[in-house]
Amino acid sequence: MTEDDRGTGALCLVTGATGYIGGRLVPELLAAGLRVRCLARSPERLRDHPWADAVEVVQGDVTDAGSVARAMRGADVAYYLVHALGAGGDFEETDRRAARIFGERAREAGLSRLVYLGGLTPRGVPERELSPHLRSRAEVGRILLASGVPTAVLRAAVVIGSGSASFEMLRYLTERLPVMVTPSWVHTRIQPVAVRDVLRALVGGARLPGDVNRTFDIGGPDVLTYREMMIRYAAVAELPKRVILPVPMLSPGLSSHWVGLVTPVPASIARPLTESLRHEVVCHEHDIARYVPDPPGHPVGFDEAVRLALRRVREAKVATRWSSASLPGAPSDPLPTDPDWAGGSLYSDRRELCVAAPRASLWRVIEGIGGDNGWYSFPLAWAVRGWLDRLAGGVGLRRGRRDAARLRVGDSLDFWRVEEIEPGRLLRLRAEMRLPGLAWLEMYAETDDAGRTRFRQRALFHPHGLLGHAYWWSVSPFHAVVFGGMARNIARAAVADATARERAPAG
């Protein structure tokens, strides 16, 4: 695609395009006639997005000054939509260093505007009393505002949209627990905002006058306690009335683990969400409307935002999810190339069998694996492994799928992530569970020389240290049941799919 094909508007650099907000902002910018360039650590994770051919992609990271400089060359506007999720005790320093690099390189490149999405901080609360994550977000905003490049810092509280971590937390807490023992923060007042209003403000931020260098509060028209949000969610979702019993002794730390057990959102993500609810987060101005006027029906109210999000979930039209971004501590190493790889031990479990079904049926089963369809073998073993992962602070099995039938590179899939997909042939998953090593699972749909459909399955494990080797040998006795059963049941499911399609009425 040539530059002319991409439009003639200002060139916008988007960081965090593999994440929840960034992945939704890109098509909105394109629709507004702007050109887009994405900075991504793993460009292949953008490959399968419907807008991939309409953008430029530069490989790099916001902590690497050289790649940031390359990405900003010729750009007009840059969106800063990344932050360290608190994977370690130094995440505030990582955020601080990345923001300084971004601001300095933007000034050197002569950019006309920076736009940053941060968190809404409570008025009158000393910054030292804020949660580390909210405090870091506020500091990043100050660094960018002081960069010498006109900056718009948009501050939002709870974002309501299909697939957002805040919405998923609210949704699962309300749907799964008709009677809830809840932390005291359910009485904290919050001003939620619909994701479409966040995106509208972000797009408008690219066209702000050059003398605007300030923060803007963005929120919806409703100010609610979390308790009221759960009650109203239940009403919109047509659930029976919920009974909510606050318990003061549940601290944000403890309640993050409680959220992690009840919802698909792991404790590592739930903690910053719950910590931010300790103090009232309500907008104190709506000045953004002076520059980005509210169209009719906007800002979207809470009930309508929930209704729209639920419709997207039910229609399986969730464009991005909170799990689109890599989680803290999750492995990111690509599959070692073999047989030339010389990085140490690489254990494998291989299965192969003929399938009495068309290759298309086999592929449908492979691409539909996980989520509600499960893993086709020993459900109790998979469930136990998921619970153990949750207890260890991992993501567990409950992340599910973004789309019930289709996968794309970068999608989370329970405690795996799609590392590669060749439609009709290969699905490669990389484990994001807590392991003493790196693990992958590959599934192939192929046709042999005799024209028969063949299924190949390969599990690989690269151990870290003695514990990694001990782990592999301790679980290998169960591979015949787990992986062997998976291969046989996938083959049976492919036959069932083919039979069902043969019996289905024509037309």
Protein backbone atom coordinates (compact mmCIF):
# COMPACT_ATOMS: atom_id res chain seq x y z
CA MET A 1 0.00 0.00 0.00
CA THR A 2 1.40 3.41 -0.96
CA GLU A 3 1.35 6.48 1.24
CA ASP A 4 -1.32 8.02 -0.99
CA ASP A 5 -3.58 5.02 -0.35
CA ARG A 6 -3.33 5.65 3.39
CA GLY A 7 -4.77 9.15 3.24
CA THR A 8 -3.38 12.65 3.26
CA GLY A 9 -4.12 13.79 6.82
CA ALA A 10 -1.65 14.31 9.65
CA LEU A 11 0.58 11.35 10.46
CA CYS A 12 -0.23 9.97 13.90
CA LEU A 13 2.13 7.66 15.77
CA VAL A 14 0.23 5.23 18.00
CA THR A 15 1.96 3.32 20.77
CA GLY A 16 0.10 0.47 22.44
CA ALA A 17 -1.72 -0.55 19.25
CA THR A 18 -1.72 -4.17 20.43
CA GLY A 19 -3.62 -3.13 23.56
CA TYR A 20 -7.27 -2.51 24.33
CA ILE A 21 -7.53 1.23 23.63
CA GLY A 22 -4.80 1.45 21.00
CA GLY A 23 -6.29 -1.36 18.93
CA ARG A 24 -9.59 0.54 18.80
CA LEU A 25 -8.08 3.97 18.28
CA VAL A 26 -6.25 3.08 15.06
CA PRO A 27 -9.39 2.46 12.93
CA GLU A 28 -11.01 5.60 14.40
CA LEU A 29 -8.03 7.71 13.32
CA LEU A 30 -8.12 6.18 9.85
CA ALA A 31 -11.85 6.87 9.59
CA ALA A 32 -11.13 10.51 10.50
CA GLY A 33 -8.81 10.79 7.48
CA LEU A 34 -5.58 10.67 9.46
CA ARG A 35 -2.55 8.56 8.58
CA VAL A 36 -1.31 6.10 11.19
CA ARG A 37 2.04 4.62 12.10
CA CYS A 38 2.27 2.08 14.95
CA LEU A 39 5.24 1.45 17.23
CA ALA A 40 5.11 -2.18 18.39
CA ARG A 41 7.53 -4.55 20.09
CA SER A 42 5.99 -7.44 18.15
CA PRO A 43 4.72 -6.13 14.78
CA GLU A 44 3.40 -9.60 13.85
CA ARG A 45 0.70 -9.16 16.49
CA LEU A 46 -0.85 -6.43 14.33
CA ARG A 47 -0.81 -8.54 11.17
CA ASP A 48 -4.33 -9.95 11.38
CA HIS A 49 -6.17 -6.77 12.36
CA PRO A 50 -8.59 -5.62 9.64
CA TRP A 51 -6.75 -2.30 9.40
CA ALA A 52 -3.23 -3.77 9.23
CA ASP A 53 -2.66 -2.95 5.54
CA ALA A 54 -3.69 0.67 6.08
CA VAL A 55 -0.95 1.56 8.57
CA GLU A 56 2.84 1.70 8.81
CA VAL A 57 4.51 -0.35 11.52
CA VAL A 58 7.86 0.33 13.18
CA GLN A 59 9.35 -2.29 15.46
CA GLY A 60 10.56 -0.93 18.77
CA ASP A 61 9.79 -0.07 22.36
CA VAL A 62 9.12 3.18 24.21
CA THR A 63 12.11 2.48 26.47
CA ASP A 64 14.42 2.36 23.42
CA ALA A 65 15.29 5.93 22.40
CA GLY A 66 16.52 4.86 18.97
CA SER A 67 13.33 3.08 17.94
CA VAL A 68 11.20 5.93 19.30
CA ALA A 69 13.19 8.40 17.22
CA ARG A 70 12.75 6.28 14.08
CA ALA A 71 9.03 5.96 14.69
CA MET A 72 8.59 9.72 15.18
CA ARG A 73 10.43 10.71 12.01
CA GLY A 74 7.98 12.73 9.91
CA ALA A 75 5.09 12.31 12.37
CA ASP A 76 2.82 15.17 13.43
CA VAL A 77 1.02 13.71 16.45
CA ALA A 78 1.99 10.91 18.86
CA TYR A 79 -0.31 8.94 21.16
CA TYR A 80 1.18 7.58 24.36
CA LEU A 81 -1.02 4.62 25.34
CA VAL A 82 1.44 2.36 27.16
CA HIS A 83 2.39 1.85 30.77
CA ALA A 84 4.20 -0.74 32.86
CA LEU A 85 1.61 -2.90 34.56
CA GLY A 86 3.61 -3.30 37.72
CA ALA A 87 5.42 -6.48 36.83
CA GLY A 88 8.10 -5.59 39.35
CA GLY A 89 8.97 -3.12 42.04
CA ASP A 90 10.66 -0.79 39.53
CA PHE A 91 7.67 -0.26 37.25
CA GLU A 92 7.39 3.41 38.29
CA GLU A 93 10.98 4.00 37.19
CA THR A 94 10.27 2.20 33.90
CA ASP A 95 7.23 4.44 33.30
CA ARG A 96 9.24 7.52 34.22
CA ARG A 97 12.15 6.67 31.91
CA ALA A 98 9.87 5.77 28.99
CA ALA A 99 7.89 9.02 29.31
CA ARG A 100 11.08 11.10 29.36
CA ILE A 101 12.40 9.34 26.26
CA PHE A 102 9.08 9.85 24.49
CA GLY A 103 8.87 13.55 25.36
CA GLU A 104 12.50 14.26 24.46
CA ARG A 105 12.32 12.48 21.10
CA ALA A 106 9.01 14.18 20.28
CA ARG A 107 10.59 17.59 20.88
CA GLU A 108 13.64 16.73 18.79
CA ALA A 109 11.42 15.42 15.96
CA GLY A 110 9.36 18.62 15.96
CA LEU A 111 6.00 16.98 16.67
CA SER A 112 3.10 19.36 17.05
CA ARG A 113 1.09 17.37 19.60
CA LEU A 114 1.27 14.57 22.18
CA VAL A 115 -1.88 12.86 23.47
CA TYR A 116 -1.81 10.71 26.59
CA LEU A 117 -4.56 8.67 28.23
CA GLY A 118 -4.05 8.54 31.98
CA GLY A 119 -6.10 7.89 35.08
CA LEU A 120 -8.46 10.28 36.82
CA THR A 121 -6.97 11.22 40.19
CA PRO A 122 -9.04 12.31 43.21
CA ARG A 123 -8.97 16.00 44.08
CA GLY A 124 -7.52 16.97 47.43
CA VAL A 125 -5.74 13.64 48.02
CA PRO A 126 -1.94 13.92 48.41
CA GLU A 127 -0.19 12.05 45.64
CA ARG A 128 1.74 9.93 48.15
CA GLU A 129 -1.58 8.43 49.28
CA LEU A 130 -2.55 7.31 45.77
CA SER A 131 -1.99 3.77 44.57
CA PRO A 132 1.43 3.27 42.94
CA HIS A 133 -0.21 2.72 39.53
CA LEU A 134 -2.35 5.86 39.68
CA ARG A 135 0.59 7.86 41.04
CA SER A 136 2.75 6.66 38.16
CA ARG A 137 0.11 7.59 35.60
CA ALA A 138 -0.06 11.10 37.06
CA GLU A 139 3.73 11.43 36.93
CA VAL A 140 3.82 10.34 33.28
CA GLY A 141 1.29 13.04 32.48
CA ARG A 142 3.42 15.71 34.16
CA ILE A 143 6.56 14.57 32.31
CA LEU A 144 4.83 14.79 28.93
CA LEU A 145 3.29 18.19 29.74
CA ALA A 146 6.79 19.48 30.57
CA SER A 147 8.35 18.03 27.40
CA GLY A 148 8.13 21.24 25.38
CA VAL A 149 5.63 19.63 22.97
CA PRO A 150 1.96 20.70 23.35
CA THR A 151 0.35 17.82 25.23
CA ALA A 152 -3.23 16.78 26.01
CA VAL A 153 -3.50 14.51 29.04
CA LEU A 154 -6.90 12.86 29.06
CA ARG A 155 -7.84 11.43 32.45
CA ALA A 156 -10.53 8.75 32.71
CA ALA A 157 -11.80 6.64 35.59
CA VAL A 158 -13.64 3.38 34.83
CA VAL A 159 -13.90 2.71 31.08
CA ILE A 160 -17.05 0.81 30.08
CA GLY A 161 -16.81 -1.10 26.82
CA SER A 162 -16.91 -4.67 25.58
CA GLY A 163 -13.68 -6.36 26.56
CA SER A 164 -12.32 -3.66 28.89
CA ALA A 165 -10.86 -4.93 32.16
CA SER A 166 -13.18 -2.65 34.16
CA PHE A 167 -16.24 -3.90 32.29
CA GLU A 168 -15.21 -7.57 32.55
CA MET A 169 -14.63 -7.18 36.28
CA LEU A 170 -18.06 -5.56 36.75
CA ARG A 171 -19.74 -8.07 34.46
CA TYR A 172 -18.43 -11.23 36.06
CA LEU A 173 -18.80 -10.02 39.65
CA THR A 174 -22.44 -9.16 39.00
CA GLU A 175 -23.37 -12.17 36.89
CA ARG A 176 -21.64 -14.85 38.97
CA LEU A 177 -22.52 -13.71 42.48
CA PRO A 178 -26.22 -13.12 43.25
CA VAL A 179 -25.13 -12.54 46.86
CA MET A 180 -21.86 -10.66 47.21
CA VAL A 181 -19.61 -10.00 50.19
CA THR A 182 -17.77 -6.96 48.91
CA PRO A 183 -14.98 -4.58 49.98
CA SER A 184 -15.85 -1.17 51.36
CA TRP A 185 -14.81 0.51 48.10
CA VAL A 186 -18.17 -0.44 46.60
CA HIS A 187 -19.43 2.79 48.25
CA THR A 188 -16.84 4.98 46.51
CA ARG A 189 -18.29 7.41 43.97
CA ILE A 190 -17.03 6.92 40.40
CA GLN A 191 -17.69 8.64 37.08
CA PRO A 192 -17.53 5.89 34.44
CA VAL A 193 -17.07 6.71 30.78
CA ALA A 194 -18.05 4.77 27.65
CA VAL A 195 -15.15 3.60 25.53
CA ARG A 196 -16.61 5.32 22.46
CA ASP A 197 -16.40 8.68 24.28
CA VAL A 198 -12.78 7.96 25.24
CA LEU A 199 -11.98 7.24 21.59
CA ARG A 200 -13.83 10.36 20.43
CA ALA A 201 -11.77 12.51 22.79
CA LEU A 202 -8.53 10.81 21.72
CA VAL A 203 -9.23 11.42 18.02
CA GLY A 204 -10.17 15.02 18.76
CA GLY A 205 -6.93 15.43 20.67
CA ALA A 206 -4.98 15.27 17.40
CA ARG A 207 -6.62 18.51 16.25
CA LEU A 208 -6.36 20.66 19.36
CA PRO A 209 -4.94 24.20 18.93
CA GLY A 210 -1.19 24.43 19.34
CA ASP A 211 -1.41 26.51 22.52
CA VAL A 212 -3.31 23.82 24.45
CA ASN A 213 -1.03 22.08 26.94
CA ARG A 214 -3.09 20.73 29.83
CA THR A 215 -5.07 17.92 31.41
CA PHE A 216 -8.72 17.18 30.62
CA ASP A 217 -11.10 15.12 32.73
CA ILE A 218 -13.30 12.84 30.61
CA GLY A 219 -16.31 11.02 31.99
CA GLY A 220 -19.90 10.07 31.31
CA PRO A 221 -23.00 11.86 32.60
CA ASP A 222 -23.50 9.52 35.60
CA VAL A 223 -21.74 9.58 38.96
CA LEU A 224 -22.31 6.25 40.72
CA THR A 225 -20.94 4.11 43.49
CA TYR A 226 -19.59 0.72 42.44
CA ARG A 227 -22.55 -0.82 44.27
CA GLU A 228 -24.94 1.23 42.14
CA MET A 229 -23.03 0.19 39.02
CA MET A 230 -23.51 -3.49 39.89
CA ILE A 231 -27.21 -2.99 40.60
CA ARG A 232 -27.75 -1.10 37.34
CA TYR A 233 -25.70 -3.64 35.38
CA ALA A 234 -27.96 -6.40 36.73
CA ALA A 235 -31.02 -4.43 35.62
CA VAL A 236 -29.69 -3.84 32.10
CA ALA A 237 -28.64 -7.50 31.80
CA GLU A 238 -32.07 -8.57 33.10
CA LEU A 239 -30.61 -10.45 36.06
CA PRO A 240 -32.40 -10.96 39.39
CA LYS A 241 -31.72 -8.26 41.97
CA ARG A 242 -28.31 -8.66 43.59
CA VAL A 243 -27.68 -8.65 47.36
CA ILE A 244 -24.49 -6.74 48.19
CA LEU A 245 -22.94 -6.92 51.66
CA PRO A 246 -19.87 -4.69 52.17
CA VAL A 247 -17.12 -5.99 54.49
CA PRO A 248 -14.68 -3.28 55.68
CA MET A 249 -11.73 -5.62 56.36
CA LEU A 250 -11.29 -6.55 52.68
CA SER A 251 -8.32 -4.35 51.68
CA PRO A 252 -7.62 -3.53 48.01
CA GLY A 253 -4.84 -6.13 48.05
CA LEU A 254 -7.08 -8.87 49.41
CA SER A 255 -10.00 -7.82 47.23
CA SER A 256 -7.79 -8.01 44.11
CA HIS A 257 -7.27 -11.71 44.85
CA TRP A 258 -11.00 -12.07 45.46
CA VAL A 259 -11.67 -10.44 42.07
CA GLY A 260 -9.03 -12.73 40.53
CA LEU A 261 -10.82 -15.83 41.80
CA VAL A 262 -14.31 -14.74 40.71
CA THR A 263 -13.57 -13.05 37.36
CA PRO A 264 -11.25 -13.71 34.38
CA VAL A 265 -9.22 -10.63 35.38
CA PRO A 266 -6.08 -11.87 37.21
CA ALA A 267 -4.98 -10.31 40.49
CA SER A 268 -2.07 -8.54 38.76
CA ILE A 269 -4.58 -6.54 36.68
CA ALA A 270 -7.34 -6.39 39.31
CA ARG A 271 -5.06 -4.81 41.91
CA PRO A 272 -4.51 -1.45 40.14
CA LEU A 273 -8.23 -1.37 39.31
CA THR A 274 -9.32 -1.95 42.89
CA GLU A 275 -6.64 0.31 44.36
CA SER A 276 -7.88 3.17 42.19
CA LEU A 277 -11.34 2.80 43.76
CA ARG A 278 -10.20 3.69 47.27
CA HIS A 279 -10.81 7.39 46.61
CA GLU A 280 -13.62 9.20 44.84
CA VAL A 281 -12.81 9.65 41.15
CA VAL A 282 -15.17 12.24 39.71
CA CYS A 283 -14.57 14.76 36.92
CA HIS A 284 -14.22 18.38 38.01
CA GLU A 285 -14.44 19.90 34.54
CA HIS A 286 -15.64 19.03 31.05
CA ASP A 287 -13.46 21.53 29.19
CA ILE A 288 -12.67 19.02 26.42
CA ALA A 289 -16.13 19.84 25.01
CA ARG A 290 -14.85 23.34 24.09
CA TYR A 291 -12.49 21.72 21.57
CA VAL A 292 -14.24 18.38 20.86
CA PRO A 293 -17.97 19.20 21.03
CA ASP A 294 -20.33 16.52 22.31
CA PRO A 295 -22.56 15.23 19.49
CA PRO A 296 -26.20 14.32 20.27
CA GLY A 297 -26.39 11.39 22.66
CA HIS A 298 -22.89 11.94 24.05
CA PRO A 299 -21.38 11.47 26.53
CA VAL A 300 -23.04 8.06 26.64
CA GLY A 301 -24.78 7.22 29.92
CA PHE A 302 -23.82 4.23 32.04
CA ASP A 303 -26.86 2.09 31.21
CA GLU A 304 -26.47 2.66 27.48
CA ALA A 305 -22.72 1.95 27.65
CA VAL A 306 -23.46 -1.39 29.37
CA ARG A 307 -26.19 -2.17 26.84
CA LEU A 308 -23.85 -1.50 23.91
CA ALA A 309 -21.04 -3.55 25.48
CA LEU A 310 -23.32 -6.51 26.17
CA ARG A 311 -24.60 -6.42 22.60
CA ARG A 312 -21.02 -6.61 21.31
CA VAL A 313 -20.29 -9.55 23.61
CA ARG A 314 -23.43 -11.45 22.59
CA GLU A 315 -22.82 -10.81 18.89
CA ALA A 316 -19.15 -11.87 19.23
CA LYS A 317 -18.02 -8.51 17.84
CA VAL A 318 -15.45 -7.60 20.48
CA ALA A 319 -12.66 -5.82 18.57
CA THR A 320 -10.11 -5.82 21.40
CA ARG A 321 -10.00 -7.08 24.98
CA TRP A 322 -8.09 -6.16 28.12
CA SER A 323 -6.03 -9.30 27.51
CA SER A 324 -4.96 -8.02 24.07
CA ALA A 325 -1.92 -6.54 25.81
CA SER A 326 0.75 -8.84 27.18
CA LEU A 327 0.48 -9.45 30.91
CA PRO A 328 3.25 -8.66 33.38
CA GLY A 329 5.70 -11.52 33.66
CA ALA A 330 4.28 -13.36 30.66
CA PRO A 331 6.90 -14.96 28.41
CA SER A 332 7.45 -13.29 25.07
CA ASP A 333 10.27 -15.34 23.55
CA PRO A 334 9.37 -16.71 20.10
CA LEU A 335 9.52 -20.43 19.43
CA PRO A 336 13.16 -21.49 19.05
CA THR A 337 13.97 -22.45 15.48
CA ASP A 338 14.72 -26.14 15.22
CA PRO A 339 16.65 -28.26 14.43
CA ASP A 340 19.36 -25.55 14.39
CA TRP A 341 18.49 -24.08 17.79
CA ALA A 342 21.36 -24.33 20.26
CA GLY A 343 19.80 -22.79 23.34
CA GLY A 344 19.75 -25.89 25.55
CA SER A 345 17.16 -28.59 26.17
CA LEU A 346 13.91 -28.51 24.26
CA TYR A 347 11.51 -31.24 25.30
CA SER A 348 8.65 -32.24 23.01
CA ASP A 349 5.57 -34.42 22.89
CA ARG A 350 4.40 -35.28 19.35
CA ARG A 351 1.12 -36.83 18.21
CA GLU A 352 -0.05 -37.57 14.67
CA LEU A 353 -3.06 -39.40 13.27
CA CYS A 354 -5.33 -39.66 10.25
CA VAL A 355 -8.72 -37.98 10.41
CA ALA A 356 -11.74 -39.30 8.53
CA ALA A 357 -12.99 -35.81 7.74
CA PRO A 358 -12.20 -32.99 5.31
CA ARG A 359 -9.30 -30.76 6.23
CA ALA A 360 -11.70 -27.80 6.52
CA SER A 361 -13.61 -29.55 9.30
CA LEU A 362 -10.38 -30.33 11.16
CA TRP A 363 -9.30 -26.71 10.89
CA ARG A 364 -12.63 -25.45 12.24
CA VAL A 365 -12.10 -27.57 15.35
CA ILE A 366 -8.48 -26.42 15.75
CA GLU A 367 -9.33 -22.73 15.38
CA GLY A 368 -12.29 -23.09 17.73
CA ILE A 369 -10.31 -24.67 20.59
CA GLY A 370 -10.39 -23.24 24.10
CA GLY A 371 -12.95 -20.94 25.71
CA ASP A 372 -16.38 -22.56 25.89
CA ASN A 373 -15.25 -25.42 23.63
CA GLY A 374 -12.56 -26.51 26.08
CA TRP A 375 -9.38 -28.42 25.29
CA TYR A 376 -10.77 -31.80 24.20
CA SER A 377 -9.16 -33.88 26.94
CA PHE A 378 -9.41 -34.54 30.66
CA PRO A 379 -11.41 -31.38 31.58
CA LEU A 380 -10.68 -31.82 35.29
CA ALA A 381 -6.91 -31.78 34.69
CA TRP A 382 -7.16 -28.58 32.65
CA ALA A 383 -9.41 -26.99 35.31
CA VAL A 384 -7.02 -27.92 38.11
CA ARG A 385 -4.07 -26.53 36.12
CA GLY A 386 -6.02 -23.33 35.62
CA TRP A 387 -6.80 -22.98 39.33
CA LEU A 388 -3.19 -23.66 40.28
CA ASP A 389 -2.11 -20.96 37.87
CA ARG A 390 -4.56 -18.48 39.40
CA LEU A 391 -3.33 -19.29 42.90
CA ALA A 392 0.24 -18.64 41.71
CA GLY A 393 -0.82 -15.22 40.40
CA GLY A 394 -1.21 -16.30 36.77
CA VAL A 395 -4.08 -15.77 34.35
CA GLY A 396 -5.72 -19.20 34.70
CA LEU A 397 -8.16 -20.61 32.18
CA ARG A 398 -10.91 -18.01 32.41
CA ARG A 399 -9.67 -15.42 29.92
CA GLY A 400 -11.56 -17.34 27.24
CA ARG A 401 -11.54 -16.04 23.66
CA ARG A 402 -12.09 -12.71 21.97
CA ASP A 403 -14.09 -14.40 19.17
CA ALA A 404 -15.81 -17.79 19.42
CA ALA A 405 -14.80 -18.93 15.91
CA ARG A 406 -11.85 -16.86 14.68
CA LEU A 407 -8.36 -16.28 16.04
CA ARG A 408 -5.66 -13.82 15.10
CA VAL A 409 -2.01 -13.41 16.10
CA GLY A 410 -1.79 -11.85 19.56
CA ASP A 411 -5.19 -13.08 20.78
CA SER A 412 -5.28 -14.44 24.31
CA LEU A 413 -6.76 -17.93 24.55
CA ASP A 414 -7.29 -19.02 28.17
CA PHE A 415 -3.73 -19.29 29.52
CA TRP A 416 -2.20 -19.31 26.04
CA ARG A 417 -1.55 -16.59 23.46
CA VAL A 418 -1.69 -17.04 19.69
CA GLU A 419 1.89 -16.72 18.47
CA GLU A 420 1.26 -17.79 14.87
CA ILE A 421 -1.69 -18.78 12.74
CA GLU A 422 -1.71 -19.90 9.13
CA PRO A 423 -5.41 -20.21 8.28
CA GLY A 424 -6.32 -23.73 7.30
CA ARG A 425 -2.96 -25.18 8.36
CA LEU A 426 -1.22 -24.10 11.60
CA LEU A 427 -2.10 -22.76 15.04
CA ARG A 428 0.80 -22.10 17.41
CA LEU A 429 0.09 -21.11 21.00
CA ARG A 430 2.58 -19.80 23.55
CA ALA A 431 1.88 -20.53 27.22
CA GLU A 432 1.31 -17.58 29.56
CA MET A 433 0.74 -19.74 32.63
CA ARG A 434 3.27 -19.69 35.45
CA LEU A 435 5.93 -22.24 34.46
CA PRO A 436 9.64 -22.86 35.16
CA GLY A 437 10.34 -22.44 31.47
CA LEU A 438 8.73 -21.60 28.13
CA ALA A 439 6.05 -23.74 26.48
CA TRP A 440 4.28 -23.91 23.13
CA LEU A 441 1.50 -25.99 21.64
CA GLU A 442 1.25 -26.46 17.87
CA MET A 443 -1.62 -27.98 15.89
CA TYR A 444 -1.54 -28.67 12.16
CA ALA A 445 -4.23 -29.61 9.65
CA GLU A 446 -2.54 -31.24 6.63
CA THR A 447 -3.17 -33.48 3.64
CA ASP A 448 -0.78 -36.39 3.05
CA ASP A 449 0.44 -37.82 -0.26
CA ALA A 450 -2.54 -40.19 -0.38
CA GLY A 451 -5.00 -37.29 -0.06
CA ARG A 452 -5.94 -38.13 3.52
CA THR A 453 -6.43 -35.49 6.23
CA ARG A 454 -3.77 -35.66 8.92
CA PHE A 455 -3.64 -33.97 12.30
CA ARG A 456 -0.26 -33.18 13.83
CA GLN A 457 0.18 -31.92 17.37
CA ARG A 458 3.38 -30.86 19.08
CA ALA A 459 3.92 -29.63 22.64
CA LEU A 460 7.32 -28.09 23.36
CA PHE A 461 8.96 -27.03 26.61
CA HIS A 462 12.21 -25.13 27.13
CA PRO A 463 13.10 -25.58 30.83
CA HIS A 464 14.67 -22.91 32.99
CA GLY A 465 17.11 -24.45 35.44
CA LEU A 466 16.82 -27.66 37.39
CA LEU A 467 13.25 -26.86 38.42
CA GLY A 468 12.25 -26.71 34.76
CA HIS A 469 13.69 -30.14 34.03
CA ALA A 470 12.01 -31.56 37.16
CA TYR A 471 8.70 -30.04 36.08
CA TRP A 472 8.79 -31.69 32.64
CA TRP A 473 9.63 -35.13 33.98
CA SER A 474 7.00 -34.86 36.72
CA VAL A 475 4.19 -34.15 34.27
CA SER A 476 5.36 -36.29 31.34
CA PRO A 477 3.61 -39.45 32.68
CA PHE A 478 0.29 -37.62 32.17
CA HIS A 479 1.00 -36.58 28.57
CA ALA A 480 -0.52 -39.74 27.10
CA VAL A 481 -3.80 -38.88 28.79
CA VAL A 482 -3.78 -35.13 28.24
CA PHE A 483 -2.10 -34.69 24.85
CA GLY A 484 -2.97 -38.11 23.46
CA GLY A 485 -6.59 -37.66 24.46
CA MET A 486 -6.60 -34.17 22.97
CA ALA A 487 -5.43 -35.43 19.57
CA ARG A 488 -8.00 -38.25 19.48
CA ASN A 489 -10.87 -36.01 20.58
CA ILE A 490 -9.99 -33.26 18.11
CA ALA A 491 -10.09 -35.87 15.36
CA ARG A 492 -13.51 -37.09 16.58
CA ALA A 493 -14.80 -33.52 16.74
CA ALA A 494 -13.68 -32.95 13.14
CA VAL A 495 -15.61 -36.05 12.04
CA ALA A 496 -18.67 -34.83 13.94
CA ASP A 497 -18.38 -31.42 12.27
CA ALA A 498 -18.19 -33.00 8.83
CA THR A 499 -21.17 -35.28 9.56
CA ALA A 500 -23.28 -32.39 10.83
CA ARG A 501 -22.54 -30.37 7.71
CA GLU A 502 -23.41 -33.28 5.45
CA ARG A 503 -26.77 -33.69 7.18
CA ALA A 504 -27.57 -30.00 7.24
CA PRO A 505 -30.26 -28.98 4.73
CA ALA A 506 -28.94 -27.29 1.61
CA GLY A 507 -29.22 -23.52 1.39
